[in-house]
Amino acid sequence: MTESLSDLYVRLNTESGKVLWPEIQRFFARGLVQVVSQRADLLEIAVAIASDHRAKVEAWMASGDLIKASTEDARSWQETEPVFWAVVAAPWVLVQEVEKGQ
């Protein structure tokens, strides 16, 4: 039986959490970190990836709401030590910087 989208959303929500740069650094080194913009819904993107909704994922990539983490991102994160909200949507680790006060 396949998992419904709402069940998948709930499961990914429970598997998400706040992490620091050192916790995702090894995934970045393997090319597995994708950055979700502040204006996008991290879990909505994770559900689309996990359920293979290619058109939605491509639209987020085209808009810049979902991009592969760059070397410049890594340098900045090393210096600023931000907090991320993260979730695994295999094979990717999706991260979104937590805004101050969250």
PDB file of N, CA and C in Angstrom:
ATOM      1  N   MET A   1       0.842  -1.179   0.000  1.00  0.00           N
ATOM      2  CA  MET A   1       0.000   0.000   0.000  1.00  0.00           C
ATOM      3  C   MET A   1       0.888   1.244   0.000  1.00  0.00           C
ATOM      4  N   THR A   2       0.543   2.208  -0.836  1.00  0.00           N
ATOM      5  CA  THR A   2       1.332   3.429  -0.881  1.00  0.00           C
ATOM      6  C   THR A   2       0.834   4.418   0.167  1.00  0.00           C
ATOM      7  N   GLU A   3       1.746   5.249   0.595  1.00  0.00           N
ATOM      8  CA  GLU A   3       1.455   6.242   1.627  1.00  0.00           C
ATOM      9  C   GLU A   3       0.729   7.428   0.999  1.00  0.00           C
ATOM     10  N   SER A   4      -0.349   7.901   1.622  1.00  0.00           N
ATOM     11  CA  SER A   4      -1.058   9.070   1.101  1.00  0.00           C
ATOM     12  C   SER A   4      -0.171  10.305   1.285  1.00  0.00           C
ATOM     13  N   LEU A   5      -0.461  11.342   0.503  1.00  0.00           N
ATOM     14  CA  LEU A   5       0.329  12.572   0.614  1.00  0.00           C
ATOM     15  C   LEU A   5       0.201  13.194   1.998  1.00  0.00           C
ATOM     16  N   SER A   6      -0.978  13.125   2.587  1.00  0.00           N
ATOM     17  CA  SER A   6      -1.133  13.704   3.934  1.00  0.00           C
ATOM     18  C   SER A   6      -0.358  12.890   4.965  1.00  0.00           C
ATOM     19  N   ASP A   7      -0.355  11.559   4.810  1.00  0.00           N
ATOM     20  CA  ASP A   7       0.438  10.723   5.721  1.00  0.00           C
ATOM     21  C   ASP A   7       1.925  10.988   5.531  1.00  0.00           C
ATOM     22  N   LEU A   8       2.333  11.165   4.288  1.00  0.00           N
ATOM     23  CA  LEU A   8       3.738  11.464   3.989  1.00  0.00           C
ATOM     24  C   LEU A   8       4.130  12.803   4.611  1.00  0.00           C
ATOM     25  N   TYR A   9       3.263  13.800   4.507  1.00  0.00           N
ATOM     26  CA  TYR A   9       3.525  15.113   5.108  1.00  0.00           C
ATOM     27  C   TYR A   9       3.713  14.975   6.622  1.00  0.00           C
ATOM     28  N   VAL A  10       2.815  14.237   7.259  1.00  0.00           N
ATOM     29  CA  VAL A  10       2.902  14.048   8.710  1.00  0.00           C
ATOM     30  C   VAL A  10       4.200  13.328   9.075  1.00  0.00           C
ATOM     31  N   ARG A  11       4.537  12.278   8.327  1.00  0.00           N
ATOM     32  CA  ARG A  11       5.766  11.529   8.625  1.00  0.00           C
ATOM     33  C   ARG A  11       6.999  12.406   8.467  1.00  0.00           C
ATOM     34  N   LEU A  12       7.068  13.156   7.359  1.00  0.00           N
ATOM     35  CA  LEU A  12       8.235  14.021   7.141  1.00  0.00           C
ATOM     36  C   LEU A  12       8.294  15.138   8.186  1.00  0.00           C
ATOM     37  N   ASN A  13       7.148  15.630   8.599  1.00  0.00           N
ATOM     38  CA  ASN A  13       7.116  16.656   9.643  1.00  0.00           C
ATOM     39  C   ASN A  13       7.714  16.115  10.938  1.00  0.00           C
ATOM     40  N   THR A  14       7.363  14.887  11.295  1.00  0.00           N
ATOM     41  CA  THR A  14       7.902  14.318  12.535  1.00  0.00           C
ATOM     42  C   THR A  14       9.387  13.982  12.413  1.00  0.00           C
ATOM     43  N   GLU A  15       9.864  13.801  11.181  1.00  0.00           N
ATOM     44  CA  GLU A  15      11.276  13.485  10.957  1.00  0.00           C
ATOM     45  C   GLU A  15      12.128  14.735  10.743  1.00  0.00           C
ATOM     46  N   SER A  16      11.504  15.900  10.714  1.00  0.00           N
ATOM     47  CA  SER A  16      12.249  17.142  10.510  1.00  0.00           C
ATOM     48  C   SER A  16      12.691  17.702  11.855  1.00  0.00           C
ATOM     49  N   GLY A  17      13.642  18.619  11.806  1.00  0.00           N
ATOM     50  CA  GLY A  17      14.088  19.240  13.044  1.00  0.00           C
ATOM     51  C   GLY A  17      15.147  20.289  12.806  1.00  0.00           C
ATOM     52  N   LYS A  18      15.500  20.954  13.873  1.00  0.00           N
ATOM     53  CA  LYS A  18      16.530  21.988  13.799  1.00  0.00           C
ATOM     54  C   LYS A  18      17.903  21.342  13.919  1.00  0.00           C
ATOM     55  N   VAL A  19      18.817  21.808  13.058  1.00  0.00           N
ATOM     56  CA  VAL A  19      20.188  21.302  13.056  1.00  0.00           C
ATOM     57  C   VAL A  19      21.142  22.466  12.854  1.00  0.00           C
ATOM     58  N   LEU A  20      22.394  22.221  13.191  1.00  0.00           N
ATOM     59  CA  LEU A  20      23.465  23.202  12.991  1.00  0.00           C
ATOM     60  C   LEU A  20      24.341  22.766  11.821  1.00  0.00           C
ATOM     61  N   TRP A  21      25.115  23.684  11.302  1.00  0.00           N
ATOM     62  CA  TRP A  21      25.982  23.416  10.164  1.00  0.00           C
ATOM     63  C   TRP A  21      26.853  22.170  10.349  1.00  0.00           C
ATOM     64  N   PRO A  22      27.531  21.970  11.465  1.00  0.00           N
ATOM     65  CA  PRO A  22      28.366  20.772  11.589  1.00  0.00           C
ATOM     66  C   PRO A  22      27.596  19.462  11.387  1.00  0.00           C
ATOM     67  N   GLU A  23      26.309  19.472  11.689  1.00  0.00           N
ATOM     68  CA  GLU A  23      25.503  18.260  11.535  1.00  0.00           C
ATOM     69  C   GLU A  23      25.181  17.942  10.077  1.00  0.00           C
ATOM     70  N   ILE A  24      25.203  18.935   9.213  1.00  0.00           N
ATOM     71  CA  ILE A  24      24.906  18.678   7.800  1.00  0.00           C
ATOM     72  C   ILE A  24      26.132  18.795   6.899  1.00  0.00           C
ATOM     73  N   GLN A  25      27.252  19.172   7.472  1.00  0.00           N
ATOM     74  CA  GLN A  25      28.471  19.396   6.689  1.00  0.00           C
ATOM     75  C   GLN A  25      28.876  18.157   5.884  1.00  0.00           C
ATOM     76  N   ARG A  26      28.776  16.980   6.465  1.00  0.00           N
ATOM     77  CA  ARG A  26      29.182  15.770   5.744  1.00  0.00           C
ATOM     78  C   ARG A  26      28.247  15.481   4.571  1.00  0.00           C
ATOM     79  N   PHE A  27      26.980  15.855   4.699  1.00  0.00           N
ATOM     80  CA  PHE A  27      26.047  15.675   3.585  1.00  0.00           C
ATOM     81  C   PHE A  27      26.355  16.671   2.474  1.00  0.00           C
ATOM     82  N   PHE A  28      26.742  17.881   2.851  1.00  0.00           N
ATOM     83  CA  PHE A  28      27.170  18.867   1.864  1.00  0.00           C
ATOM     84  C   PHE A  28      28.373  18.340   1.093  1.00  0.00           C
ATOM     85  N   ALA A  29      29.332  17.762   1.795  1.00  0.00           N
ATOM     86  CA  ALA A  29      30.544  17.246   1.152  1.00  0.00           C
ATOM     87  C   ALA A  29      30.206  16.168   0.122  1.00  0.00           C
ATOM     88  N   ARG A  30      29.106  15.471   0.317  1.00  0.00           N
ATOM     89  CA  ARG A  30      28.679  14.431  -0.624  1.00  0.00           C
ATOM     90  C   ARG A  30      27.749  14.976  -1.710  1.00  0.00           C
ATOM     91  N   GLY A  31      27.486  16.298  -1.686  1.00  0.00           N
ATOM     92  CA  GLY A  31      26.644  16.914  -2.700  1.00  0.00           C
ATOM     93  C   GLY A  31      25.159  16.679  -2.507  1.00  0.00           C
ATOM     94  N   LEU A  32      24.740  16.440  -1.275  1.00  0.00           N
ATOM     95  CA  LEU A  32      23.360  16.049  -1.014  1.00  0.00           C
ATOM     96  C   LEU A  32      22.486  17.126  -0.388  1.00  0.00           C
ATOM     97  N   VAL A  33      23.023  18.315  -0.171  1.00  0.00           N
ATOM     98  CA  VAL A  33      22.253  19.364   0.509  1.00  0.00           C
ATOM     99  C   VAL A  33      21.594  20.282  -0.518  1.00  0.00           C
ATOM    100  N   GLN A  34      20.298  20.449  -0.354  1.00  0.00           N
ATOM    101  CA  GLN A  34      19.501  21.356  -1.169  1.00  0.00           C
ATOM    102  C   GLN A  34      18.946  22.437  -0.238  1.00  0.00           C
ATOM    103  N   VAL A  35      19.020  23.683  -0.685  1.00  0.00           N
ATOM    104  CA  VAL A  35      18.576  24.819   0.122  1.00  0.00           C
ATOM    105  C   VAL A  35      17.179  25.245  -0.320  1.00  0.00           C
ATOM    106  N   VAL A  36      16.297  25.391   0.648  1.00  0.00           N
ATOM    107  CA  VAL A  36      14.933  25.856   0.409  1.00  0.00           C
ATOM    108  C   VAL A  36      14.864  27.315   0.849  1.00  0.00           C
ATOM    109  N   SER A  37      14.345  28.174  -0.029  1.00  0.00           N
ATOM    110  CA  SER A  37      14.257  29.599   0.300  1.00  0.00           C
ATOM    111  C   SER A  37      13.281  29.834   1.442  1.00  0.00           C
ATOM    112  N   GLN A  38      13.396  31.007   2.046  1.00  0.00           N
ATOM    113  CA  GLN A  38      12.512  31.380   3.158  1.00  0.00           C
ATOM    114  C   GLN A  38      11.055  31.498   2.724  1.00  0.00           C
ATOM    115  N   ARG A  39      10.831  31.815   1.463  1.00  0.00           N
ATOM    116  CA  ARG A  39       9.449  32.019   0.997  1.00  0.00           C
ATOM    117  C   ARG A  39       8.737  30.712   0.658  1.00  0.00           C
ATOM    118  N   ALA A  40       9.458  29.596   0.657  1.00  0.00           N
ATOM    119  CA  ALA A  40       8.878  28.304   0.287  1.00  0.00           C
ATOM    120  C   ALA A  40       8.609  27.458   1.536  1.00  0.00           C
ATOM    121  N   ASP A  41       7.744  26.474   1.379  1.00  0.00           N
ATOM    122  CA  ASP A  41       7.389  25.560   2.459  1.00  0.00           C
ATOM    123  C   ASP A  41       8.291  24.331   2.368  1.00  0.00           C
ATOM    124  N   LEU A  42       9.173  24.189   3.328  1.00  0.00           N
ATOM    125  CA  LEU A  42      10.140  23.096   3.357  1.00  0.00           C
ATOM    126  C   LEU A  42       9.454  21.741   3.227  1.00  0.00           C
ATOM    127  N   LEU A  43       8.401  21.524   3.997  1.00  0.00           N
ATOM    128  CA  LEU A  43       7.732  20.221   3.993  1.00  0.00           C
ATOM    129  C   LEU A  43       6.972  19.967   2.694  1.00  0.00           C
ATOM    130  N   GLU A  44       6.409  20.993   2.112  1.00  0.00           N
ATOM    131  CA  GLU A  44       5.724  20.830   0.828  1.00  0.00           C
ATOM    132  C   GLU A  44       6.713  20.360  -0.240  1.00  0.00           C
ATOM    133  N   ILE A  45       7.899  20.949  -0.226  1.00  0.00           N
ATOM    134  CA  ILE A  45       8.926  20.542  -1.183  1.00  0.00           C
ATOM    135  C   ILE A  45       9.399  19.121  -0.886  1.00  0.00           C
ATOM    136  N   ALA A  46       9.573  18.793   0.375  1.00  0.00           N
ATOM    137  CA  ALA A  46       9.998  17.443   0.750  1.00  0.00           C
ATOM    138  C   ALA A  46       8.979  16.400   0.291  1.00  0.00           C
ATOM    139  N   VAL A  47       7.704  16.693   0.465  1.00  0.00           N
ATOM    140  CA  VAL A  47       6.653  15.770   0.032  1.00  0.00           C
ATOM    141  C   VAL A  47       6.689  15.596  -1.487  1.00  0.00           C
ATOM    142  N   ALA A  48       6.864  16.684  -2.207  1.00  0.00           N
ATOM    143  CA  ALA A  48       6.914  16.599  -3.668  1.00  0.00           C
ATOM    144  C   ALA A  48       8.098  15.754  -4.136  1.00  0.00           C
ATOM    145  N   ILE A  49       9.245  15.917  -3.484  1.00  0.00           N
ATOM    146  CA  ILE A  49      10.417  15.119  -3.846  1.00  0.00           C
ATOM    147  C   ILE A  49      10.170  13.653  -3.513  1.00  0.00           C
ATOM    148  N   ALA A  50       9.691  13.393  -2.309  1.00  0.00           N
ATOM    149  CA  ALA A  50       9.486  12.016  -1.864  1.00  0.00           C
ATOM    150  C   ALA A  50       8.427  11.290  -2.689  1.00  0.00           C
ATOM    151  N   SER A  51       7.480  12.043  -3.239  1.00  0.00           N
ATOM    152  CA  SER A  51       6.420  11.425  -4.034  1.00  0.00           C
ATOM    153  C   SER A  51       6.649  11.588  -5.534  1.00  0.00           C
ATOM    154  N   ASP A  52       7.844  12.044  -5.898  1.00  0.00           N
ATOM    155  CA  ASP A  52       8.285  12.134  -7.297  1.00  0.00           C
ATOM    156  C   ASP A  52       7.393  13.025  -8.165  1.00  0.00           C
ATOM    157  N   HIS A  53       7.027  14.193  -7.623  1.00  0.00           N
ATOM    158  CA  HIS A  53       6.281  15.193  -8.389  1.00  0.00           C
ATOM    159  C   HIS A  53       7.282  16.100  -9.101  1.00  0.00           C
ATOM    160  N   ARG A  54       7.833  15.573 -10.175  1.00  0.00           N
ATOM    161  CA  ARG A  54       8.924  16.230 -10.897  1.00  0.00           C
ATOM    162  C   ARG A  54       8.588  17.645 -11.350  1.00  0.00           C
ATOM    163  N   ALA A  55       7.390  17.861 -11.876  1.00  0.00           N
ATOM    164  CA  ALA A  55       7.024  19.184 -12.385  1.00  0.00           C
ATOM    165  C   ALA A  55       7.063  20.236 -11.277  1.00  0.00           C
ATOM    166  N   LYS A  56       6.553  19.891 -10.097  1.00  0.00           N
ATOM    167  CA  LYS A  56       6.590  20.830  -8.969  1.00  0.00           C
ATOM    168  C   LYS A  56       8.024  21.128  -8.563  1.00  0.00           C
ATOM    169  N   VAL A  57       8.836  20.088  -8.468  1.00  0.00           N
ATOM    170  CA  VAL A  57      10.229  20.258  -8.050  1.00  0.00           C
ATOM    171  C   VAL A  57      10.976  21.121  -9.061  1.00  0.00           C
ATOM    172  N   GLU A  58      10.770  20.862 -10.333  1.00  0.00           N
ATOM    173  CA  GLU A  58      11.435  21.661 -11.376  1.00  0.00           C
ATOM    174  C   GLU A  58      11.000  23.120 -11.316  1.00  0.00           C
ATOM    175  N   ALA A  59       9.728  23.363 -10.992  1.00  0.00           N
ATOM    176  CA  ALA A  59       9.242  24.747 -10.870  1.00  0.00           C
ATOM    177  C   ALA A  59       9.931  25.464  -9.715  1.00  0.00           C
ATOM    178  N   TRP A  60      10.098  24.780  -8.576  1.00  0.00           N
ATOM    179  CA  TRP A  60      10.805  25.395  -7.446  1.00  0.00           C
ATOM    180  C   TRP A  60      12.263  25.654  -7.793  1.00  0.00           C
ATOM    181  N   MET A  61      12.862  24.747  -8.528  1.00  0.00           N
ATOM    182  CA  MET A  61      14.255  24.940  -8.936  1.00  0.00           C
ATOM    183  C   MET A  61      14.366  26.134  -9.883  1.00  0.00           C
ATOM    184  N   ALA A  62      13.449  26.241 -10.816  1.00  0.00           N
ATOM    185  CA  ALA A  62      13.468  27.350 -11.781  1.00  0.00           C
ATOM    186  C   ALA A  62      13.259  28.697 -11.095  1.00  0.00           C
ATOM    187  N   SER A  63      12.449  28.710 -10.043  1.00  0.00           N
ATOM    188  CA  SER A  63      12.168  29.963  -9.336  1.00  0.00           C
ATOM    189  C   SER A  63      13.255  30.337  -8.333  1.00  0.00           C
ATOM    190  N   GLY A  64      14.158  29.382  -8.054  1.00  0.00           N
ATOM    191  CA  GLY A  64      15.194  29.631  -7.057  1.00  0.00           C
ATOM    192  C   GLY A  64      14.767  29.277  -5.646  1.00  0.00           C
ATOM    193  N   ASP A  65      13.579  28.706  -5.485  1.00  0.00           N
ATOM    194  CA  ASP A  65      13.121  28.309  -4.158  1.00  0.00           C
ATOM    195  C   ASP A  65      13.768  27.014  -3.684  1.00  0.00           C
ATOM    196  N   LEU A  66      14.387  26.286  -4.595  1.00  0.00           N
ATOM    197  CA  LEU A  66      15.110  25.054  -4.272  1.00  0.00           C
ATOM    198  C   LEU A  66      16.386  25.032  -5.100  1.00  0.00           C
ATOM    199  N   ILE A  67      17.528  25.121  -4.411  1.00  0.00           N
ATOM    200  CA  ILE A  67      18.809  25.130  -5.118  1.00  0.00           C
ATOM    201  C   ILE A  67      19.810  24.234  -4.397  1.00  0.00           C
ATOM    202  N   LYS A  68      20.744  23.724  -5.162  1.00  0.00           N
ATOM    203  CA  LYS A  68      21.806  22.926  -4.562  1.00  0.00           C
ATOM    204  C   LYS A  68      22.721  23.853  -3.764  1.00  0.00           C
ATOM    205  N   ALA A  69      23.074  23.442  -2.565  1.00  0.00           N
ATOM    206  CA  ALA A  69      23.972  24.246  -1.730  1.00  0.00           C
ATOM    207  C   ALA A  69      25.316  24.403  -2.438  1.00  0.00           C
ATOM    208  N   SER A  70      25.844  25.604  -2.397  1.00  0.00           N
ATOM    209  CA  SER A  70      27.093  25.920  -3.080  1.00  0.00           C
ATOM    210  C   SER A  70      28.260  26.012  -2.095  1.00  0.00           C
ATOM    211  N   THR A  71      29.437  26.070  -2.651  1.00  0.00           N
ATOM    212  CA  THR A  71      30.628  26.267  -1.829  1.00  0.00           C
ATOM    213  C   THR A  71      30.537  27.591  -1.079  1.00  0.00           C
ATOM    214  N   GLU A  72      29.976  28.605  -1.729  1.00  0.00           N
ATOM    215  CA  GLU A  72      29.807  29.904  -1.073  1.00  0.00           C
ATOM    216  C   GLU A  72      28.854  29.790   0.117  1.00  0.00           C
ATOM    217  N   ASP A  73      27.791  28.997  -0.051  1.00  0.00           N
ATOM    218  CA  ASP A  73      26.879  28.757   1.075  1.00  0.00           C
ATOM    219  C   ASP A  73      27.646  28.140   2.239  1.00  0.00           C
ATOM    220  N   ALA A  74      28.436  27.122   1.944  1.00  0.00           N
ATOM    221  CA  ALA A  74      29.190  26.418   2.997  1.00  0.00           C
ATOM    222  C   ALA A  74      30.143  27.367   3.722  1.00  0.00           C
ATOM    223  N   ARG A  75      30.817  28.211   2.976  1.00  0.00           N
ATOM    224  CA  ARG A  75      31.726  29.186   3.602  1.00  0.00           C
ATOM    225  C   ARG A  75      30.962  30.118   4.535  1.00  0.00           C
ATOM    226  N   SER A  76      29.834  30.596   4.056  1.00  0.00           N
ATOM    227  CA  SER A  76      29.019  31.503   4.861  1.00  0.00           C
ATOM    228  C   SER A  76      28.519  30.799   6.123  1.00  0.00           C
ATOM    229  N   TRP A  77      28.047  29.566   5.967  1.00  0.00           N
ATOM    230  CA  TRP A  77      27.537  28.822   7.119  1.00  0.00           C
ATOM    231  C   TRP A  77      28.635  28.530   8.126  1.00  0.00           C
ATOM    232  N   GLN A  78      29.837  28.304   7.638  1.00  0.00           N
ATOM    233  CA  GLN A  78      30.966  28.057   8.537  1.00  0.00           C
ATOM    234  C   GLN A  78      31.229  29.287   9.402  1.00  0.00           C
ATOM    235  N   GLU A  79      31.076  30.465   8.799  1.00  0.00           N
ATOM    236  CA  GLU A  79      31.343  31.718   9.511  1.00  0.00           C
ATOM    237  C   GLU A  79      30.187  32.140  10.417  1.00  0.00           C
ATOM    238  N   THR A  80      28.962  31.986   9.928  1.00  0.00           N
ATOM    239  CA  THR A  80      27.816  32.536  10.654  1.00  0.00           C
ATOM    240  C   THR A  80      27.127  31.542  11.585  1.00  0.00           C
ATOM    241  N   GLU A  81      27.401  30.254  11.411  1.00  0.00           N
ATOM    242  CA  GLU A  81      26.834  29.199  12.250  1.00  0.00           C
ATOM    243  C   GLU A  81      25.316  29.310  12.413  1.00  0.00           C
ATOM    244  N   PRO A  82      24.571  29.329  11.293  1.00  0.00           N
ATOM    245  CA  PRO A  82      23.118  29.453  11.403  1.00  0.00           C
ATOM    246  C   PRO A  82      22.462  28.167  11.913  1.00  0.00           C
ATOM    247  N   VAL A  83      21.218  28.307  12.304  1.00  0.00           N
ATOM    248  CA  VAL A  83      20.379  27.163  12.651  1.00  0.00           C
ATOM    249  C   VAL A  83      19.519  26.881  11.424  1.00  0.00           C
ATOM    250  N   PHE A  84      19.364  25.615  11.105  1.00  0.00           N
ATOM    251  CA  PHE A  84      18.551  25.207   9.967  1.00  0.00           C
ATOM    252  C   PHE A  84      17.374  24.372  10.437  1.00  0.00           C
ATOM    253  N   TRP A  85      16.297  24.440   9.680  1.00  0.00           N
ATOM    254  CA  TRP A  85      15.242  23.441   9.788  1.00  0.00           C
ATOM    255  C   TRP A  85      15.566  22.473   8.670  1.00  0.00           C
ATOM    256  N   ALA A  86      15.619  21.184   8.944  1.00  0.00           N
ATOM    257  CA  ALA A  86      16.052  20.209   7.951  1.00  0.00           C
ATOM    258  C   ALA A  86      15.162  18.979   7.948  1.00  0.00           C
ATOM    259  N   VAL A  87      15.131  18.354   6.774  1.00  0.00           N
ATOM    260  CA  VAL A  87      14.403  17.097   6.612  1.00  0.00           C
ATOM    261  C   VAL A  87      15.063  16.329   5.466  1.00  0.00           C
ATOM    262  N   VAL A  88      15.055  15.022   5.588  1.00  0.00           N
ATOM    263  CA  VAL A  88      15.594  14.180   4.526  1.00  0.00           C
ATOM    264  C   VAL A  88      14.457  13.794   3.595  1.00  0.00           C
ATOM    265  N   ALA A  89      14.645  14.096   2.314  1.00  0.00           N
ATOM    266  CA  ALA A  89      13.753  13.636   1.242  1.00  0.00           C
ATOM    267  C   ALA A  89      14.689  12.952   0.261  1.00  0.00           C
ATOM    268  N   ALA A  90      14.909  11.682   0.507  1.00  0.00           N
ATOM    269  CA  ALA A  90      15.951  10.919  -0.188  1.00  0.00           C
ATOM    270  C   ALA A  90      15.952  11.194  -1.688  1.00  0.00           C
ATOM    271  N   PRO A  91      17.105  11.433  -2.243  1.00  0.00           N
ATOM    272  CA  PRO A  91      18.428  11.303  -1.628  1.00  0.00           C
ATOM    273  C   PRO A  91      18.931  12.606  -0.996  1.00  0.00           C
ATOM    274  N   TRP A  92      18.087  13.611  -0.940  1.00  0.00           N
ATOM    275  CA  TRP A  92      18.515  14.943  -0.518  1.00  0.00           C
ATOM    276  C   TRP A  92      18.285  15.206   0.965  1.00  0.00           C
ATOM    277  N   VAL A  93      19.106  16.114   1.485  1.00  0.00           N
ATOM    278  CA  VAL A  93      18.868  16.724   2.786  1.00  0.00           C
ATOM    279  C   VAL A  93      18.439  18.150   2.468  1.00  0.00           C
ATOM    280  N   LEU A  94      17.206  18.473   2.779  1.00  0.00           N
ATOM    281  CA  LEU A  94      16.685  19.818   2.531  1.00  0.00           C
ATOM    282  C   LEU A  94      16.901  20.664   3.767  1.00  0.00           C
ATOM    283  N   VAL A  95      17.441  21.861   3.571  1.00  0.00           N
ATOM    284  CA  VAL A  95      17.675  22.761   4.692  1.00  0.00           C
ATOM    285  C   VAL A  95      17.080  24.128   4.384  1.00  0.00           C
ATOM    286  N   GLN A  96      16.634  24.762   5.441  1.00  0.00           N
ATOM    287  CA  GLN A  96      16.104  26.117   5.360  1.00  0.00           C
ATOM    288  C   GLN A  96      16.587  26.851   6.593  1.00  0.00           C
ATOM    289  N   GLU A  97      17.278  27.960   6.383  1.00  0.00           N
ATOM    290  CA  GLU A  97      17.779  28.699   7.534  1.00  0.00           C
ATOM    291  C   GLU A  97      16.602  29.190   8.373  1.00  0.00           C
ATOM    292  N   VAL A  98      16.743  29.045   9.680  1.00  0.00           N
ATOM    293  CA  VAL A  98      15.730  29.515  10.618  1.00  0.00           C
ATOM    294  C   VAL A  98      15.938  31.006  10.816  1.00  0.00           C
ATOM    295  N   GLU A  99      14.870  31.746  10.674  1.00  0.00           N
ATOM    296  CA  GLU A  99      14.972  33.182  10.900  1.00  0.00           C
ATOM    297  C   GLU A  99      15.151  33.430  12.386  1.00  0.00           C
ATOM    298  N   LYS A 100      15.860  34.464  12.707  1.00  0.00           N
ATOM    299  CA  LYS A 100      16.090  34.817  14.100  1.00  0.00           C
ATOM    300  C   LYS A 100      14.747  34.964  14.811  1.00  0.00           C
ATOM    301  N   GLY A 101      14.679  34.433  16.029  1.00  0.00           N
ATOM    302  CA  GLY A 101      13.472  34.521  16.809  1.00  0.00           C
ATOM    303  C   GLY A 101      12.527  33.344  16.637  1.00  0.00           C
ATOM    304  N   GLN A 102      12.866  32.392  15.767  1.00  0.00           N
ATOM    305  CA  GLN A 102      11.997  31.220  15.576  1.00  0.00           C
ATOM    306  C   GLN A 102      12.423  30.083  16.458  1.00  0.00           C
TER     307      GLN A 102
END
